Amino acid sequence: GKLGRENSGKRKIEIKINENVDDRLISFLIRCTIIYQKVYEISTLCGAENFFIIFSPIGKHYSFVQPSIKPTAK
């Protein structure tokens, strides 16, 4: 049973675009950091070769390559 707990676990959030440009960029940078951490974990824990690139709302690109670009690109 729930034992009187209404929300156990993670809360579900509504996924929609943030209308405020500054808030959108801040949210992007926070989530981008989380994605970088996950890509690094996959590479380290599983020995996976990763190539990750993402473009910010203002067009700046961020990338992560593990172990190097040559074997990953092939």
N, C-alpha and C. Protein backbone atom coordinates (compact mmCIF):
# COMPACT_ATOMS: atom_id res chain seq x y z
N GLY A 1 0.80 -1.19 0.00
CA GLY A 1 0.00 0.00 0.00
C GLY A 1 0.84 1.25 0.00
N LYS A 2 0.16 2.34 -0.15
CA LYS A 2 0.86 3.62 -0.20
C LYS A 2 1.13 4.19 1.18
N LEU A 3 0.42 3.71 2.18
CA LEU A 3 0.61 4.17 3.55
C LEU A 3 0.51 5.68 3.68
N GLY A 4 -0.47 6.26 3.01
CA GLY A 4 -0.73 7.69 3.13
C GLY A 4 0.16 8.58 2.30
N ARG A 5 1.03 8.01 1.48
CA ARG A 5 1.89 8.83 0.63
C ARG A 5 1.23 9.03 -0.72
N GLU A 6 1.08 10.30 -1.11
CA GLU A 6 0.47 10.58 -2.41
C GLU A 6 1.48 10.47 -3.53
N ASN A 7 2.65 11.04 -3.35
CA ASN A 7 3.67 11.06 -4.40
C ASN A 7 4.93 10.36 -3.92
N SER A 8 5.05 9.09 -4.21
CA SER A 8 6.31 8.41 -3.91
C SER A 8 7.06 8.25 -5.24
N GLY A 9 8.34 8.54 -5.21
CA GLY A 9 9.11 8.45 -6.45
C GLY A 9 9.20 9.79 -7.15
N LYS A 10 9.55 9.72 -8.43
CA LYS A 10 9.74 10.94 -9.21
C LYS A 10 8.41 11.55 -9.61
N ARG A 11 8.38 12.87 -9.67
CA ARG A 11 7.20 13.59 -10.15
C ARG A 11 7.24 13.66 -11.66
N LYS A 12 6.11 13.57 -12.29
CA LYS A 12 6.03 13.73 -13.72
C LYS A 12 5.89 15.21 -14.03
N ILE A 13 6.68 15.68 -14.98
CA ILE A 13 6.56 17.08 -15.36
C ILE A 13 6.04 17.15 -16.79
N GLU A 14 5.32 18.20 -17.05
CA GLU A 14 4.79 18.41 -18.39
C GLU A 14 5.94 18.88 -19.29
N ILE A 15 6.08 18.24 -20.43
CA ILE A 15 7.13 18.60 -21.38
C ILE A 15 6.55 19.58 -22.39
N LYS A 16 7.04 20.81 -22.34
CA LYS A 16 6.62 21.84 -23.29
C LYS A 16 7.73 22.87 -23.37
N ILE A 17 7.76 23.62 -24.45
CA ILE A 17 8.81 24.62 -24.64
C ILE A 17 8.65 25.74 -23.62
N ASN A 18 9.77 26.19 -23.09
CA ASN A 18 9.78 27.29 -22.16
C ASN A 18 9.76 28.58 -22.99
N GLU A 19 8.79 29.41 -22.80
CA GLU A 19 8.63 30.63 -23.60
C GLU A 19 9.70 31.68 -23.28
N ASN A 20 10.24 31.68 -22.08
CA ASN A 20 11.27 32.65 -21.69
C ASN A 20 12.62 32.18 -22.23
N VAL A 21 13.25 32.98 -23.09
CA VAL A 21 14.49 32.59 -23.77
C VAL A 21 15.62 32.34 -22.76
N ASP A 22 15.76 33.20 -21.76
CA ASP A 22 16.82 33.02 -20.77
C ASP A 22 16.63 31.74 -19.98
N ASP A 23 15.40 31.48 -19.54
CA ASP A 23 15.10 30.26 -18.80
C ASP A 23 15.32 29.03 -19.68
N ARG A 24 15.00 29.14 -20.96
CA ARG A 24 15.19 28.03 -21.89
C ARG A 24 16.68 27.69 -22.01
N LEU A 25 17.54 28.71 -22.11
CA LEU A 25 18.98 28.49 -22.22
C LEU A 25 19.54 27.87 -20.94
N ILE A 26 19.09 28.35 -19.80
CA ILE A 26 19.54 27.80 -18.52
C ILE A 26 19.13 26.34 -18.41
N SER A 27 17.90 26.04 -18.76
CA SER A 27 17.41 24.67 -18.73
C SER A 27 18.21 23.78 -19.68
N PHE A 28 18.53 24.30 -20.86
CA PHE A 28 19.34 23.56 -21.83
C PHE A 28 20.69 23.22 -21.23
N LEU A 29 21.37 24.20 -20.64
CA LEU A 29 22.71 23.97 -20.10
C LEU A 29 22.70 22.96 -18.96
N ILE A 30 21.68 23.01 -18.12
CA ILE A 30 21.57 22.05 -17.02
C ILE A 30 21.36 20.65 -17.58
N ARG A 31 20.44 20.51 -18.51
CA ARG A 31 20.16 19.19 -19.07
C ARG A 31 21.29 18.68 -19.95
N CYS A 32 22.01 19.58 -20.60
CA CYS A 32 23.15 19.19 -21.42
C CYS A 32 24.24 18.58 -20.53
N THR A 33 24.46 19.17 -19.36
CA THR A 33 25.43 18.64 -18.41
C THR A 33 25.05 17.23 -17.97
N ILE A 34 23.76 17.01 -17.74
CA ILE A 34 23.28 15.68 -17.35
C ILE A 34 23.50 14.68 -18.48
N ILE A 35 23.24 15.10 -19.71
CA ILE A 35 23.45 14.21 -20.85
C ILE A 35 24.93 13.87 -21.00
N TYR A 36 25.82 14.85 -20.85
CA TYR A 36 27.25 14.59 -20.91
C TYR A 36 27.64 13.52 -19.88
N GLN A 37 27.13 13.66 -18.66
CA GLN A 37 27.44 12.69 -17.61
C GLN A 37 26.98 11.29 -18.00
N LYS A 38 25.78 11.19 -18.58
CA LYS A 38 25.25 9.88 -18.98
C LYS A 38 26.05 9.27 -20.12
N VAL A 39 26.45 10.08 -21.09
CA VAL A 39 27.25 9.58 -22.21
C VAL A 39 28.60 9.09 -21.69
N TYR A 40 29.21 9.84 -20.78
CA TYR A 40 30.48 9.43 -20.19
C TYR A 40 30.31 8.12 -19.42
N GLU A 41 29.23 7.99 -18.65
CA GLU A 41 28.98 6.76 -17.90
C GLU A 41 28.84 5.56 -18.82
N ILE A 42 28.10 5.72 -19.91
CA ILE A 42 27.93 4.62 -20.87
C ILE A 42 29.29 4.21 -21.42
N SER A 43 30.11 5.17 -21.77
CA SER A 43 31.43 4.89 -22.31
C SER A 43 32.29 4.15 -21.29
N THR A 44 32.30 4.64 -20.07
CA THR A 44 33.15 4.08 -19.04
C THR A 44 32.66 2.70 -18.58
N LEU A 45 31.39 2.58 -18.29
CA LEU A 45 30.85 1.33 -17.75
C LEU A 45 30.74 0.21 -18.78
N CYS A 46 30.43 0.56 -20.01
CA CYS A 46 30.15 -0.44 -21.03
C CYS A 46 31.23 -0.56 -22.09
N GLY A 47 32.21 0.33 -22.08
CA GLY A 47 33.24 0.32 -23.10
C GLY A 47 32.72 0.75 -24.45
N ALA A 48 31.63 1.49 -24.46
CA ALA A 48 31.02 1.94 -25.72
C ALA A 48 31.82 3.07 -26.32
N GLU A 49 31.78 3.15 -27.65
CA GLU A 49 32.36 4.29 -28.35
C GLU A 49 31.23 5.27 -28.61
N ASN A 50 31.43 6.51 -28.20
CA ASN A 50 30.36 7.51 -28.27
C ASN A 50 30.78 8.73 -29.07
N PHE A 51 29.84 9.22 -29.83
CA PHE A 51 29.97 10.52 -30.48
C PHE A 51 28.65 11.23 -30.26
N PHE A 52 28.70 12.32 -29.54
CA PHE A 52 27.50 13.05 -29.15
C PHE A 52 27.68 14.51 -29.54
N ILE A 53 26.71 15.06 -30.24
CA ILE A 53 26.74 16.49 -30.58
C ILE A 53 25.33 17.03 -30.39
N ILE A 54 25.25 18.22 -29.82
CA ILE A 54 23.96 18.86 -29.58
C ILE A 54 24.14 20.36 -29.83
N PHE A 55 23.11 20.97 -30.38
CA PHE A 55 23.14 22.40 -30.65
C PHE A 55 22.21 23.12 -29.69
N SER A 56 22.70 24.20 -29.10
CA SER A 56 21.90 24.98 -28.16
C SER A 56 20.85 25.79 -28.92
N PRO A 57 19.88 26.35 -28.19
CA PRO A 57 18.87 27.18 -28.83
C PRO A 57 19.45 28.39 -29.57
N ILE A 58 20.66 28.80 -29.23
CA ILE A 58 21.28 29.93 -29.92
C ILE A 58 22.28 29.47 -30.99
N GLY A 59 22.35 28.16 -31.25
CA GLY A 59 23.16 27.63 -32.33
C GLY A 59 24.57 27.21 -31.98
N LYS A 60 24.97 27.34 -30.72
CA LYS A 60 26.30 26.89 -30.31
C LYS A 60 26.28 25.37 -30.19
N HIS A 61 27.37 24.72 -30.64
CA HIS A 61 27.39 23.26 -30.56
C HIS A 61 28.25 22.79 -29.39
N TYR A 62 27.86 21.66 -28.84
CA TYR A 62 28.57 20.98 -27.77
C TYR A 62 28.77 19.54 -28.23
N SER A 63 29.97 18.99 -27.99
CA SER A 63 30.20 17.62 -28.43
C SER A 63 31.00 16.85 -27.39
N PHE A 64 30.87 15.53 -27.48
CA PHE A 64 31.60 14.61 -26.61
C PHE A 64 31.96 13.41 -27.46
N VAL A 65 33.24 13.05 -27.48
CA VAL A 65 33.70 11.88 -28.23
C VAL A 65 34.55 11.04 -27.29
N GLN A 66 34.25 9.75 -27.25
CA GLN A 66 35.00 8.83 -26.40
C GLN A 66 35.15 7.52 -27.13
N PRO A 67 36.25 6.92 -27.39
CA PRO A 67 37.59 7.34 -26.97
C PRO A 67 38.22 8.38 -27.89
N SER A 68 38.01 8.30 -29.20
CA SER A 68 38.51 9.33 -30.11
C SER A 68 37.61 9.37 -31.33
N ILE A 69 37.75 10.41 -32.13
CA ILE A 69 36.84 10.62 -33.26
C ILE A 69 37.03 9.59 -34.36
N LYS A 70 38.26 9.16 -34.63
CA LYS A 70 38.50 8.26 -35.77
C LYS A 70 37.79 6.91 -35.67
N PRO A 71 37.99 6.13 -34.60
CA PRO A 71 37.28 4.85 -34.55
C PRO A 71 35.77 5.01 -34.37
N THR A 72 35.36 6.06 -33.70
CA THR A 72 33.94 6.28 -33.46
C THR A 72 33.23 6.66 -34.76
N ALA A 73 33.86 7.49 -35.57
CA ALA A 73 33.24 7.94 -36.82
C ALA A 73 33.08 6.80 -37.82
N LYS A 74 33.98 5.83 -37.79
CA LYS A 74 33.91 4.69 -38.71
C LYS A 74 32.71 3.85 -38.40
